[in-house]
Full PDB file with SEQRES, HELIX, SHEET, SSBOND, CRYST1, ORIGX, SCALE, CONECT and MASTER records, all heavy atoms in Angstrom:
SEQRES   1 A   41  LEU THR VAL PRO THR ALA SER ARG ALA ALA GLY TYR GLU          
SEQRES   2 A   41  ASP ALA VAL LEU ALA GLY ILE ASN GLN ALA ARG ALA HIS          
SEQRES   3 A   41  PRO GLN ALA TYR ALA ARG ARG LEU ARG HIS ASP GLN LEU          
SEQRES   4 A   41  ARG ALA                                                      
HELIX    1 AA1 ALA A    9  ALA A   25  1                                  17    
HELIX    2 AA2 PRO A   27  ARG A   40  1                                  14    
CRYST1    1.000    1.000    1.000  90.00  90.00  90.00 P 1           1          
ORIGX1      1.000000  0.000000  0.000000        0.00000                         
ORIGX2      0.000000  1.000000  0.000000        0.00000                         
ORIGX3      0.000000  0.000000  1.000000        0.00000                         
SCALE1      1.000000  0.000000  0.000000        0.00000                         
SCALE2      0.000000  1.000000  0.000000        0.00000                         
SCALE3      0.000000  0.000000  1.000000        0.00000                         
ATOM      1  N   LEU A   1       2.527 -17.661 -14.857  1.00  0.00           N  
ATOM      2  CA  LEU A   1       1.238 -17.565 -14.235  1.00  0.00           C  
ATOM      3  C   LEU A   1       0.453 -18.856 -14.423  1.00  0.00           C  
ATOM      4  O   LEU A   1       0.506 -19.488 -15.464  1.00  0.00           O  
ATOM      5  CB  LEU A   1       0.461 -16.391 -14.817  1.00  0.00           C  
ATOM      6  CG  LEU A   1       1.025 -15.007 -14.581  1.00  0.00           C  
ATOM      7  CD1 LEU A   1       0.200 -13.967 -15.298  1.00  0.00           C  
ATOM      8  CD2 LEU A   1       1.075 -14.693 -13.101  1.00  0.00           C  
ATOM      9  N   THR A   2      -0.327 -19.210 -13.409  1.00  0.00           N  
ATOM     10  CA  THR A   2      -1.223 -20.339 -13.514  1.00  0.00           C  
ATOM     11  C   THR A   2      -2.567 -19.795 -13.976  1.00  0.00           C  
ATOM     12  O   THR A   2      -3.439 -19.432 -13.163  1.00  0.00           O  
ATOM     13  CB  THR A   2      -1.391 -21.074 -12.174  1.00  0.00           C  
ATOM     14  OG1 THR A   2      -0.061 -21.403 -11.732  1.00  0.00           O  
ATOM     15  CG2 THR A   2      -2.222 -22.298 -12.307  1.00  0.00           C  
ATOM     16  N   VAL A   3      -2.768 -19.715 -15.265  1.00  0.00           N  
ATOM     17  CA  VAL A   3      -4.007 -19.142 -15.819  1.00  0.00           C  
ATOM     18  C   VAL A   3      -5.042 -20.229 -15.859  1.00  0.00           C  
ATOM     19  O   VAL A   3      -4.846 -21.255 -16.487  1.00  0.00           O  
ATOM     20  CB  VAL A   3      -3.763 -18.548 -17.220  1.00  0.00           C  
ATOM     21  CG1 VAL A   3      -5.069 -17.963 -17.751  1.00  0.00           C  
ATOM     22  CG2 VAL A   3      -2.659 -17.521 -17.213  1.00  0.00           C  
ATOM     23  N   PRO A   4      -6.197 -20.027 -15.177  1.00  0.00           N  
ATOM     24  CA  PRO A   4      -7.223 -21.103 -15.195  1.00  0.00           C  
ATOM     25  C   PRO A   4      -7.858 -21.213 -16.565  1.00  0.00           C  
ATOM     26  O   PRO A   4      -8.441 -20.240 -17.076  1.00  0.00           O  
ATOM     27  CB  PRO A   4      -8.235 -20.593 -14.125  1.00  0.00           C  
ATOM     28  CG  PRO A   4      -8.017 -19.133 -14.048  1.00  0.00           C  
ATOM     29  CD  PRO A   4      -6.573 -18.865 -14.356  1.00  0.00           C  
ATOM     30  N   THR A   5      -7.780 -22.378 -17.172  1.00  0.00           N  
ATOM     31  CA  THR A   5      -8.436 -22.601 -18.444  1.00  0.00           C  
ATOM     32  C   THR A   5      -9.924 -22.854 -18.169  1.00  0.00           C  
ATOM     33  O   THR A   5     -10.351 -23.029 -17.038  1.00  0.00           O  
ATOM     34  CB  THR A   5      -7.840 -23.801 -19.158  1.00  0.00           C  
ATOM     35  OG1 THR A   5      -8.006 -24.947 -18.331  1.00  0.00           O  
ATOM     36  CG2 THR A   5      -6.346 -23.581 -19.440  1.00  0.00           C  
ATOM     37  N   ALA A   6     -10.692 -22.905 -19.251  1.00  0.00           N  
ATOM     38  CA  ALA A   6     -12.146 -23.087 -19.066  1.00  0.00           C  
ATOM     39  C   ALA A   6     -12.455 -24.407 -18.338  1.00  0.00           C  
ATOM     40  O   ALA A   6     -13.407 -24.478 -17.547  1.00  0.00           O  
ATOM     41  CB  ALA A   6     -12.802 -23.102 -20.449  1.00  0.00           C  
ATOM     42  N   SER A   7     -11.633 -25.414 -18.578  1.00  0.00           N  
ATOM     43  CA  SER A   7     -11.919 -26.738 -17.994  1.00  0.00           C  
ATOM     44  C   SER A   7     -11.662 -26.783 -16.481  1.00  0.00           C  
ATOM     45  O   SER A   7     -12.218 -27.607 -15.797  1.00  0.00           O  
ATOM     46  CB  SER A   7     -11.085 -27.825 -18.687  1.00  0.00           C  
ATOM     47  OG  SER A   7      -9.719 -27.554 -18.510  1.00  0.00           O  
ATOM     48  N   ARG A   8     -10.772 -25.910 -15.984  1.00  0.00           N  
ATOM     49  CA  ARG A   8     -10.460 -25.935 -14.556  1.00  0.00           C  
ATOM     50  C   ARG A   8     -10.753 -24.666 -13.820  1.00  0.00           C  
ATOM     51  O   ARG A   8     -10.439 -24.520 -12.647  1.00  0.00           O  
ATOM     52  CB  ARG A   8      -8.986 -26.311 -14.361  1.00  0.00           C  
ATOM     53  CG  ARG A   8      -8.022 -25.286 -14.899  1.00  0.00           C  
ATOM     54  CD  ARG A   8      -6.617 -25.780 -14.825  1.00  0.00           C  
ATOM     55  NE  ARG A   8      -5.685 -24.726 -15.197  1.00  0.00           N  
ATOM     56  CZ  ARG A   8      -4.405 -24.934 -15.490  1.00  0.00           C  
ATOM     57  NH1 ARG A   8      -3.923 -26.158 -15.419  1.00  0.00           N  
ATOM     58  NH2 ARG A   8      -3.611 -23.918 -15.827  1.00  0.00           N  
ATOM     59  N   ALA A   9     -11.440 -23.719 -14.501  1.00  0.00           N  
ATOM     60  CA  ALA A   9     -11.712 -22.409 -13.889  1.00  0.00           C  
ATOM     61  C   ALA A   9     -12.609 -22.558 -12.682  1.00  0.00           C  
ATOM     62  O   ALA A   9     -12.419 -21.869 -11.676  1.00  0.00           O  
ATOM     63  CB  ALA A   9     -12.384 -21.497 -14.907  1.00  0.00           C  
ATOM     64  N   ALA A  10     -13.562 -23.512 -12.707  1.00  0.00           N  
ATOM     65  CA  ALA A  10     -14.496 -23.631 -11.570  1.00  0.00           C  
ATOM     66  C   ALA A  10     -13.748 -23.986 -10.292  1.00  0.00           C  
ATOM     67  O   ALA A  10     -14.020 -23.444  -9.227  1.00  0.00           O  
ATOM     68  CB  ALA A  10     -15.575 -24.664 -11.885  1.00  0.00           C  
ATOM     69  N   GLY A  11     -12.791 -24.908 -10.397  1.00  0.00           N  
ATOM     70  CA  GLY A  11     -12.025 -25.281  -9.224  1.00  0.00           C  
ATOM     71  C   GLY A  11     -11.181 -24.118  -8.691  1.00  0.00           C  
ATOM     72  O   GLY A  11     -11.031 -23.953  -7.475  1.00  0.00           O  
ATOM     73  N   TYR A  12     -10.607 -23.362  -9.615  1.00  0.00           N  
ATOM     74  CA  TYR A  12      -9.791 -22.219  -9.230  1.00  0.00           C  
ATOM     75  C   TYR A  12     -10.649 -21.194  -8.515  1.00  0.00           C  
ATOM     76  O   TYR A  12     -10.285 -20.648  -7.499  1.00  0.00           O  
ATOM     77  CB  TYR A  12      -9.162 -21.632 -10.506  1.00  0.00           C  
ATOM     78  CG  TYR A  12      -8.083 -20.639 -10.342  1.00  0.00           C  
ATOM     79  CD1 TYR A  12      -6.731 -21.013 -10.512  1.00  0.00           C  
ATOM     80  CD2 TYR A  12      -8.360 -19.300 -10.047  1.00  0.00           C  
ATOM     81  CE1 TYR A  12      -5.724 -20.077 -10.369  1.00  0.00           C  
ATOM     82  CE2 TYR A  12      -7.325 -18.350  -9.913  1.00  0.00           C  
ATOM     83  CZ  TYR A  12      -6.026 -18.760 -10.051  1.00  0.00           C  
ATOM     84  OH  TYR A  12      -5.007 -17.816  -9.933  1.00  0.00           O  
ATOM     85  N   GLU A  13     -11.839 -20.917  -9.098  1.00  0.00           N  
ATOM     86  CA  GLU A  13     -12.749 -19.927  -8.507  1.00  0.00           C  
ATOM     87  C   GLU A  13     -13.250 -20.402  -7.129  1.00  0.00           C  
ATOM     88  O   GLU A  13     -13.373 -19.603  -6.201  1.00  0.00           O  
ATOM     89  CB  GLU A  13     -13.858 -19.690  -9.487  1.00  0.00           C  
ATOM     90  CG  GLU A  13     -13.433 -18.970 -10.755  1.00  0.00           C  
ATOM     91  CD  GLU A  13     -14.368 -19.153 -11.938  1.00  0.00           C  
ATOM     92  OE1 GLU A  13     -15.381 -19.845 -11.805  1.00  0.00           O  
ATOM     93  OE2 GLU A  13     -14.045 -18.637 -13.018  1.00  0.00           O  
ATOM     94  N   ASP A  14     -13.555 -21.672  -7.036  1.00  0.00           N  
ATOM     95  CA  ASP A  14     -13.968 -22.205  -5.734  1.00  0.00           C  
ATOM     96  C   ASP A  14     -12.906 -22.015  -4.693  1.00  0.00           C  
ATOM     97  O   ASP A  14     -13.153 -21.727  -3.518  1.00  0.00           O  
ATOM     98  CB  ASP A  14     -14.300 -23.696  -5.855  1.00  0.00           C  
ATOM     99  CG  ASP A  14     -15.590 -23.956  -6.605  1.00  0.00           C  
ATOM    100  OD1 ASP A  14     -16.368 -23.015  -6.797  1.00  0.00           O  
ATOM    101  OD2 ASP A  14     -15.836 -25.133  -6.991  1.00  0.00           O  
ATOM    102  N   ALA A  15     -11.617 -22.212  -5.115  1.00  0.00           N  
ATOM    103  CA  ALA A  15     -10.505 -22.063  -4.183  1.00  0.00           C  
ATOM    104  C   ALA A  15     -10.341 -20.613  -3.753  1.00  0.00           C  
ATOM    105  O   ALA A  15      -9.967 -20.337  -2.603  1.00  0.00           O  
ATOM    106  CB  ALA A  15      -9.202 -22.567  -4.819  1.00  0.00           C  
ATOM    107  N   VAL A  16     -10.590 -19.648  -4.645  1.00  0.00           N  
ATOM    108  CA  VAL A  16     -10.528 -18.223  -4.262  1.00  0.00           C  
ATOM    109  C   VAL A  16     -11.572 -17.925  -3.195  1.00  0.00           C  
ATOM    110  O   VAL A  16     -11.273 -17.325  -2.152  1.00  0.00           O  
ATOM    111  CB  VAL A  16     -10.717 -17.315  -5.486  1.00  0.00           C  
ATOM    112  CG1 VAL A  16     -10.893 -15.856  -5.036  1.00  0.00           C  
ATOM    113  CG2 VAL A  16      -9.522 -17.416  -6.428  1.00  0.00           C  
ATOM    114  N   LEU A  17     -12.840 -18.369  -3.432  1.00  0.00           N  
ATOM    115  CA  LEU A  17     -13.878 -18.102  -2.465  1.00  0.00           C  
ATOM    116  C   LEU A  17     -13.626 -18.835  -1.148  1.00  0.00           C  
ATOM    117  O   LEU A  17     -13.860 -18.277  -0.067  1.00  0.00           O  
ATOM    118  CB  LEU A  17     -15.244 -18.523  -3.041  1.00  0.00           C  
ATOM    119  CG  LEU A  17     -16.440 -18.185  -2.165  1.00  0.00           C  
ATOM    120  CD1 LEU A  17     -16.518 -16.726  -1.782  1.00  0.00           C  
ATOM    121  CD2 LEU A  17     -17.742 -18.626  -2.830  1.00  0.00           C  
ATOM    122  N   ALA A  18     -13.106 -20.042  -1.225  1.00  0.00           N  
ATOM    123  CA  ALA A  18     -12.773 -20.767   0.013  1.00  0.00           C  
ATOM    124  C   ALA A  18     -11.683 -20.036   0.798  1.00  0.00           C  
ATOM    125  O   ALA A  18     -11.731 -19.972   2.023  1.00  0.00           O  
ATOM    126  CB  ALA A  18     -12.320 -22.198  -0.336  1.00  0.00           C  
ATOM    127  N   GLY A  19     -10.710 -19.472   0.094  1.00  0.00           N  
ATOM    128  CA  GLY A  19      -9.657 -18.714   0.762  1.00  0.00           C  
ATOM    129  C   GLY A  19     -10.198 -17.449   1.411  1.00  0.00           C  
ATOM    130  O   GLY A  19      -9.776 -17.085   2.542  1.00  0.00           O  
ATOM    131  N   ILE A  20     -11.093 -16.792   0.748  1.00  0.00           N  
ATOM    132  CA  ILE A  20     -11.720 -15.618   1.324  1.00  0.00           C  
ATOM    133  C   ILE A  20     -12.504 -15.992   2.585  1.00  0.00           C  
ATOM    134  O   ILE A  20     -12.371 -15.315   3.625  1.00  0.00           O  
ATOM    135  CB  ILE A  20     -12.678 -14.948   0.279  1.00  0.00           C  
ATOM    136  CG1 ILE A  20     -11.849 -14.277  -0.829  1.00  0.00           C  
ATOM    137  CG2 ILE A  20     -13.622 -13.965   0.948  1.00  0.00           C  
ATOM    138  CD1 ILE A  20     -12.671 -13.769  -1.977  1.00  0.00           C  
ATOM    139  N   ASN A  21     -13.261 -17.049   2.518  1.00  0.00           N  
ATOM    140  CA  ASN A  21     -14.061 -17.462   3.668  1.00  0.00           C  
ATOM    141  C   ASN A  21     -13.176 -17.963   4.817  1.00  0.00           C  
ATOM    142  O   ASN A  21     -13.520 -17.738   5.990  1.00  0.00           O  
ATOM    143  CB  ASN A  21     -15.063 -18.532   3.265  1.00  0.00           C  
ATOM    144  CG  ASN A  21     -16.285 -17.955   2.540  1.00  0.00           C  
ATOM    145  OD1 ASN A  21     -16.660 -16.786   2.833  1.00  0.00           O  
ATOM    146  ND2 ASN A  21     -16.909 -18.720   1.708  1.00  0.00           N  
ATOM    147  N   GLN A  22     -12.070 -18.602   4.495  1.00  0.00           N  
ATOM    148  CA  GLN A  22     -11.164 -18.998   5.554  1.00  0.00           C  
ATOM    149  C   GLN A  22     -10.574 -17.796   6.287  1.00  0.00           C  
ATOM    150  O   GLN A  22     -10.472 -17.794   7.541  1.00  0.00           O  
ATOM    151  CB  GLN A  22     -10.017 -19.843   4.934  1.00  0.00           C  
ATOM    152  CG  GLN A  22      -9.006 -20.390   5.935  1.00  0.00           C  
ATOM    153  CD  GLN A  22      -9.552 -21.516   6.794  1.00  0.00           C  
ATOM    154  OE1 GLN A  22     -10.649 -22.022   6.537  1.00  0.00           O  
ATOM    155  NE2 GLN A  22      -8.792 -21.900   7.793  1.00  0.00           N  
ATOM    156  N   ALA A  23     -10.208 -16.779   5.537  1.00  0.00           N  
ATOM    157  CA  ALA A  23      -9.671 -15.567   6.150  1.00  0.00           C  
ATOM    158  C   ALA A  23     -10.729 -14.832   6.962  1.00  0.00           C  
ATOM    159  O   ALA A  23     -10.423 -14.322   8.055  1.00  0.00           O  
ATOM    160  CB  ALA A  23      -9.115 -14.608   5.071  1.00  0.00           C  
ATOM    161  N   ARG A  24     -11.979 -14.830   6.478  1.00  0.00           N  
ATOM    162  CA  ARG A  24     -13.068 -14.188   7.278  1.00  0.00           C  
ATOM    163  C   ARG A  24     -13.319 -14.944   8.560  1.00  0.00           C  
ATOM    164  O   ARG A  24     -13.590 -14.323   9.587  1.00  0.00           O  
ATOM    165  CB  ARG A  24     -14.359 -14.184   6.394  1.00  0.00           C  
ATOM    166  CG  ARG A  24     -14.360 -13.110   5.340  1.00  0.00           C  
ATOM    167  CD  ARG A  24     -15.582 -13.297   4.394  1.00  0.00           C  
ATOM    168  NE  ARG A  24     -16.844 -13.219   5.050  1.00  0.00           N  
ATOM    169  CZ  ARG A  24     -17.604 -12.094   5.172  1.00  0.00           C  
ATOM    170  NH1 ARG A  24     -17.142 -10.973   4.703  1.00  0.00           N  
ATOM    171  NH2 ARG A  24     -18.763 -12.130   5.765  1.00  0.00           N  
ATOM    172  N   ALA A  25     -13.217 -16.241   8.506  1.00  0.00           N  
ATOM    173  CA  ALA A  25     -13.505 -17.064   9.701  1.00  0.00           C  
ATOM    174  C   ALA A  25     -12.372 -17.051  10.714  1.00  0.00           C  
ATOM    175  O   ALA A  25     -12.614 -17.155  11.924  1.00  0.00           O  
ATOM    176  CB  ALA A  25     -13.837 -18.497   9.288  1.00  0.00           C  
ATOM    177  N   HIS A  26     -11.144 -16.886  10.214  1.00  0.00           N  
ATOM    178  CA  HIS A  26      -9.960 -16.987  11.103  1.00  0.00           C  
ATOM    179  C   HIS A  26      -8.981 -15.879  10.798  1.00  0.00           C  
ATOM    180  O   HIS A  26      -7.851 -16.129  10.362  1.00  0.00           O  
ATOM    181  CB  HIS A  26      -9.283 -18.353  10.904  1.00  0.00           C  
ATOM    182  CG  HIS A  26     -10.218 -19.529  11.078  1.00  0.00           C  
ATOM    183  ND1 HIS A  26     -10.667 -19.959  12.336  1.00  0.00           N  
ATOM    184  CD2 HIS A  26     -10.790 -20.337  10.171  1.00  0.00           C  
ATOM    185  CE1 HIS A  26     -11.456 -20.988  12.181  1.00  0.00           C  
ATOM    186  NE2 HIS A  26     -11.576 -21.250  10.889  1.00  0.00           N  
ATOM    187  N   PRO A  27      -9.367 -14.613  11.036  1.00  0.00           N  
ATOM    188  CA  PRO A  27      -8.478 -13.492  10.684  1.00  0.00           C  
ATOM    189  C   PRO A  27      -7.157 -13.500  11.465  1.00  0.00           C  
ATOM    190  O   PRO A  27      -6.116 -13.129  10.901  1.00  0.00           O  
ATOM    191  CB  PRO A  27      -9.325 -12.264  11.002  1.00  0.00           C  
ATOM    192  CG  PRO A  27     -10.379 -12.720  11.956  1.00  0.00           C  
ATOM    193  CD  PRO A  27     -10.663 -14.154  11.608  1.00  0.00           C  
ATOM    194  N   GLN A  28      -7.179 -13.881  12.723  1.00  0.00           N  
ATOM    195  CA  GLN A  28      -5.908 -13.886  13.498  1.00  0.00           C  
ATOM    196  C   GLN A  28      -4.964 -14.964  12.980  1.00  0.00           C  
ATOM    197  O   GLN A  28      -3.719 -14.730  12.918  1.00  0.00           O  
ATOM    198  CB  GLN A  28      -6.188 -14.120  14.988  1.00  0.00           C  
ATOM    199  CG  GLN A  28      -6.789 -12.903  15.693  1.00  0.00           C  
ATOM    200  CD  GLN A  28      -8.259 -12.713  15.346  1.00  0.00           C  
ATOM    201  OE1 GLN A  28      -9.021 -13.670  15.290  1.00  0.00           O  
ATOM    202  NE2 GLN A  28      -8.698 -11.470  15.134  1.00  0.00           N  
ATOM    203  N   ALA A  29      -5.503 -16.108  12.544  1.00  0.00           N  
ATOM    204  CA  ALA A  29      -4.628 -17.137  11.957  1.00  0.00           C  
ATOM    205  C   ALA A  29      -3.990 -16.632  10.664  1.00  0.00           C  
ATOM    206  O   ALA A  29      -2.816 -16.870  10.403  1.00  0.00           O  
ATOM    207  CB  ALA A  29      -5.406 -18.415  11.704  1.00  0.00           C  
ATOM    208  N   TYR A  30      -4.757 -15.876   9.889  1.00  0.00           N  
ATOM    209  CA  TYR A  30      -4.198 -15.327   8.638  1.00  0.00           C  
ATOM    210  C   TYR A  30      -3.123 -14.303   8.964  1.00  0.00           C  
ATOM    211  O   TYR A  30      -2.139 -14.199   8.271  1.00  0.00           O  
ATOM    212  CB  TYR A  30      -5.335 -14.700   7.779  1.00  0.00           C  
ATOM    213  CG  TYR A  30      -4.901 -14.584   6.319  1.00  0.00           C  
ATOM    214  CD1 TYR A  30      -5.241 -15.552   5.405  1.00  0.00           C  
ATOM    215  CD2 TYR A  30      -4.128 -13.521   5.885  1.00  0.00           C  
ATOM    216  CE1 TYR A  30      -4.857 -15.480   4.080  1.00  0.00           C  
ATOM    217  CE2 TYR A  30      -3.728 -13.440   4.539  1.00  0.00           C  
ATOM    218  CZ  TYR A  30      -4.082 -14.410   3.661  1.00  0.00           C  
ATOM    219  OH  TYR A  30      -3.700 -14.318   2.348  1.00  0.00           O  
ATOM    220  N   ALA A  31      -3.330 -13.503  10.015  1.00  0.00           N  
ATOM    221  CA  ALA A  31      -2.338 -12.541  10.424  1.00  0.00           C  
ATOM    222  C   ALA A  31      -1.024 -13.245  10.780  1.00  0.00           C  
ATOM    223  O   ALA A  31       0.064 -12.786  10.393  1.00  0.00           O  
ATOM    224  CB  ALA A  31      -2.829 -11.700  11.604  1.00  0.00           C  
ATOM    225  N   ARG A  32      -1.121 -14.338  11.515  1.00  0.00           N  
ATOM    226  CA  ARG A  32       0.068 -15.100  11.877  1.00  0.00           C  
ATOM    227  C   ARG A  32       0.774 -15.680  10.643  1.00  0.00           C  
ATOM    228  O   ARG A  32       1.997 -15.705  10.563  1.00  0.00           O  
ATOM    229  CB  ARG A  32      -0.280 -16.199  12.880  1.00  0.00           C  
ATOM    230  CG  ARG A  32      -0.674 -15.661  14.253  1.00  0.00           C  
ATOM    231  CD  ARG A  32      -0.756 -16.760  15.285  1.00  0.00           C  
ATOM    232  NE  ARG A  32      -1.938 -17.581  15.059  1.00  0.00           N  
ATOM    233  CZ  ARG A  32      -3.140 -17.357  15.579  1.00  0.00           C  
ATOM    234  NH1 ARG A  32      -3.351 -16.278  16.310  1.00  0.00           N  
ATOM    235  NH2 ARG A  32      -4.134 -18.189  15.335  1.00  0.00           N  
ATOM    236  N   ARG A  33      -0.010 -16.065   9.651  1.00  0.00           N  
ATOM    237  CA  ARG A  33       0.568 -16.581   8.410  1.00  0.00           C  
ATOM    238  C   ARG A  33       1.299 -15.455   7.660  1.00  0.00           C  
ATOM    239  O   ARG A  33       2.409 -15.663   7.158  1.00  0.00           O  
ATOM    240  CB  ARG A  33      -0.549 -17.136   7.535  1.00  0.00           C  
ATOM    241  CG  ARG A  33      -0.107 -17.595   6.154  1.00  0.00           C  
ATOM    242  CD  ARG A  33      -1.288 -18.120   5.397  1.00  0.00           C  
ATOM    243  NE  ARG A  33      -0.956 -18.252   3.972  1.00  0.00           N  
ATOM    244  CZ  ARG A  33      -1.845 -18.606   3.057  1.00  0.00           C  
ATOM    245  NH1 ARG A  33      -3.104 -18.891   3.394  1.00  0.00           N  
ATOM    246  NH2 ARG A  33      -1.523 -18.686   1.793  1.00  0.00           N  
ATOM    247  N   LEU A  34       0.713 -14.293   7.628  1.00  0.00           N  
ATOM    248  CA  LEU A  34       1.406 -13.140   7.019  1.00  0.00           C  
ATOM    249  C   LEU A  34       2.717 -12.838   7.719  1.00  0.00           C  
ATOM    250  O   LEU A  34       3.745 -12.586   7.057  1.00  0.00           O  
ATOM    251  CB  LEU A  34       0.512 -11.884   7.049  1.00  0.00           C  
ATOM    252  CG  LEU A  34      -0.610 -11.753   6.046  1.00  0.00           C  
ATOM    253  CD1 LEU A  34      -1.334 -10.442   6.256  1.00  0.00           C  
ATOM    254  CD2 LEU A  34      -0.084 -11.855   4.623  1.00  0.00           C  
ATOM    255  N   ARG A  35       2.685 -12.889   9.047  1.00  0.00           N  
ATOM    256  CA  ARG A  35       3.946 -12.626   9.782  1.00  0.00           C  
ATOM    257  C   ARG A  35       4.990 -13.703   9.477  1.00  0.00           C  
ATOM    258  O   ARG A  35       6.182 -13.378   9.268  1.00  0.00           O  
ATOM    259  CB  ARG A  35       3.654 -12.615  11.286  1.00  0.00           C  
ATOM    260  CG  ARG A  35       4.874 -12.361  12.149  1.00  0.00           C  
ATOM    261  CD  ARG A  35       5.440 -10.968  11.926  1.00  0.00           C  
ATOM    262  NE  ARG A  35       4.603  -9.946  12.576  1.00  0.00           N  
ATOM    263  CZ  ARG A  35       4.605  -8.661  12.228  1.00  0.00           C  
ATOM    264  NH1 ARG A  35       5.413  -8.234  11.284  1.00  0.00           N  
ATOM    265  NH2 ARG A  35       3.800  -7.802  12.842  1.00  0.00           N  
ATOM    266  N   HIS A  36       4.582 -14.930   9.417  1.00  0.00           N  
ATOM    267  CA  HIS A  36       5.494 -16.027   9.090  1.00  0.00           C  
ATOM    268  C   HIS A  36       6.090 -15.831   7.697  1.00  0.00           C  
ATOM    269  O   HIS A  36       7.302 -15.975   7.514  1.00  0.00           O  
ATOM    270  CB  HIS A  36       4.759 -17.363   9.186  1.00  0.00           C  
ATOM    271  CG  HIS A  36       5.596 -18.544   8.768  1.00  0.00           C  
ATOM    272  ND1 HIS A  36       5.562 -19.035   7.469  1.00  0.00           N  
ATOM    273  CD2 HIS A  36       6.459 -19.330   9.453  1.00  0.00           C  
ATOM    274  CE1 HIS A  36       6.388 -20.049   7.385  1.00  0.00           C  
ATOM    275  NE2 HIS A  36       6.940 -20.251   8.573  1.00  0.00           N  
ATOM    276  N   ASP A  37       5.255 -15.524   6.725  1.00  0.00           N  
ATOM    277  CA  ASP A  37       5.716 -15.308   5.367  1.00  0.00           C  
ATOM    278  C   ASP A  37       6.675 -14.111   5.277  1.00  0.00           C  
ATOM    279  O   ASP A  37       7.657 -14.126   4.554  1.00  0.00           O  
ATOM    280  CB  ASP A  37       4.569 -15.111   4.385  1.00  0.00           C  
ATOM    281  CG  ASP A  37       3.743 -16.387   4.208  1.00  0.00           C  
ATOM    282  OD1 ASP A  37       4.222 -17.454   4.626  1.00  0.00           O  
ATOM    283  OD2 ASP A  37       2.632 -16.275   3.688  1.00  0.00           O  
ATOM    284  N   GLN A  38       6.343 -13.078   6.036  1.00  0.00           N  
ATOM    285  CA  GLN A  38       7.193 -11.898   6.084  1.00  0.00           C  
ATOM    286  C   GLN A  38       8.575 -12.219   6.610  1.00  0.00           C  
ATOM    287  O   GLN A  38       9.588 -11.817   6.038  1.00  0.00           O  
ATOM    288  CB  GLN A  38       6.501 -10.824   6.947  1.00  0.00           C  
ATOM    289  CG  GLN A  38       7.284  -9.530   7.132  1.00  0.00           C  
ATOM    290  CD  GLN A  38       6.662  -8.728   8.245  1.00  0.00           C  
ATOM    291  OE1 GLN A  38       6.435  -9.247   9.329  1.00  0.00           O  
ATOM    292  NE2 GLN A  38       6.392  -7.466   7.972  1.00  0.00           N  
ATOM    293  N   LEU A  39       8.648 -12.966   7.712  1.00  0.00           N  
ATOM    294  CA  LEU A  39       9.937 -13.296   8.299  1.00  0.00           C  
ATOM    295  C   LEU A  39      10.717 -14.236   7.417  1.00  0.00           C  
ATOM    296  O   LEU A  39      11.963 -14.143   7.299  1.00  0.00           O  
ATOM    297  CB  LEU A  39       9.721 -13.944   9.693  1.00  0.00           C  
ATOM    298  CG  LEU A  39       9.110 -13.007  10.734  1.00  0.00           C  
ATOM    299  CD1 LEU A  39       8.795 -13.769  11.987  1.00  0.00           C  
ATOM    300  CD2 LEU A  39      10.071 -11.832  11.036  1.00  0.00           C  
ATOM    301  N   ARG A  40      10.020 -15.173   6.772  1.00  0.00           N  
ATOM    302  CA  ARG A  40      10.690 -16.112   5.870  1.00  0.00           C  
ATOM    303  C   ARG A  40      11.325 -15.388   4.656  1.00  0.00           C  
ATOM    304  O   ARG A  40      12.428 -15.668   4.287  1.00  0.00           O  
ATOM    305  CB  ARG A  40       9.696 -17.166   5.386  1.00  0.00           C  
ATOM    306  CG  ARG A  40      10.351 -18.253   4.503  1.00  0.00           C  
ATOM    307  CD  ARG A  40       9.354 -19.326   4.120  1.00  0.00           C  
ATOM    308  NE  ARG A  40       8.197 -18.755   3.431  1.00  0.00           N  
ATOM    309  CZ  ARG A  40       7.154 -19.456   3.019  1.00  0.00           C  
ATOM    310  NH1 ARG A  40       7.099 -20.759   3.267  1.00  0.00           N  
ATOM    311  NH2 ARG A  40       6.145 -18.881   2.358  1.00  0.00           N  
ATOM    312  N   ALA A  41      10.571 -14.440   4.117  1.00  0.00           N  
ATOM    313  CA  ALA A  41      11.099 -13.656   2.990  1.00  0.00           C  
ATOM    314  C   ALA A  41      12.305 -12.838   3.413  1.00  0.00           C  
ATOM    315  O   ALA A  41      13.285 -12.719   2.666  1.00  0.00           O  
ATOM    316  CB  ALA A  41      10.002 -12.722   2.419  1.00  0.00           C  
TER     317      ALA A  41                                                      
MASTER        0    0    0    2    0    0    0    6  316    1    0    4          
END                                                                             
């Protein structure tokens, strides 16, 4: 696991919120990504 230490937690947390906002802004693009990952697996 990539456990965020105190020194880098802020960047990790910013990336989580950025990912949430990206999915909110582009839900169809995220759906296509899920499909791609599903087929690749």
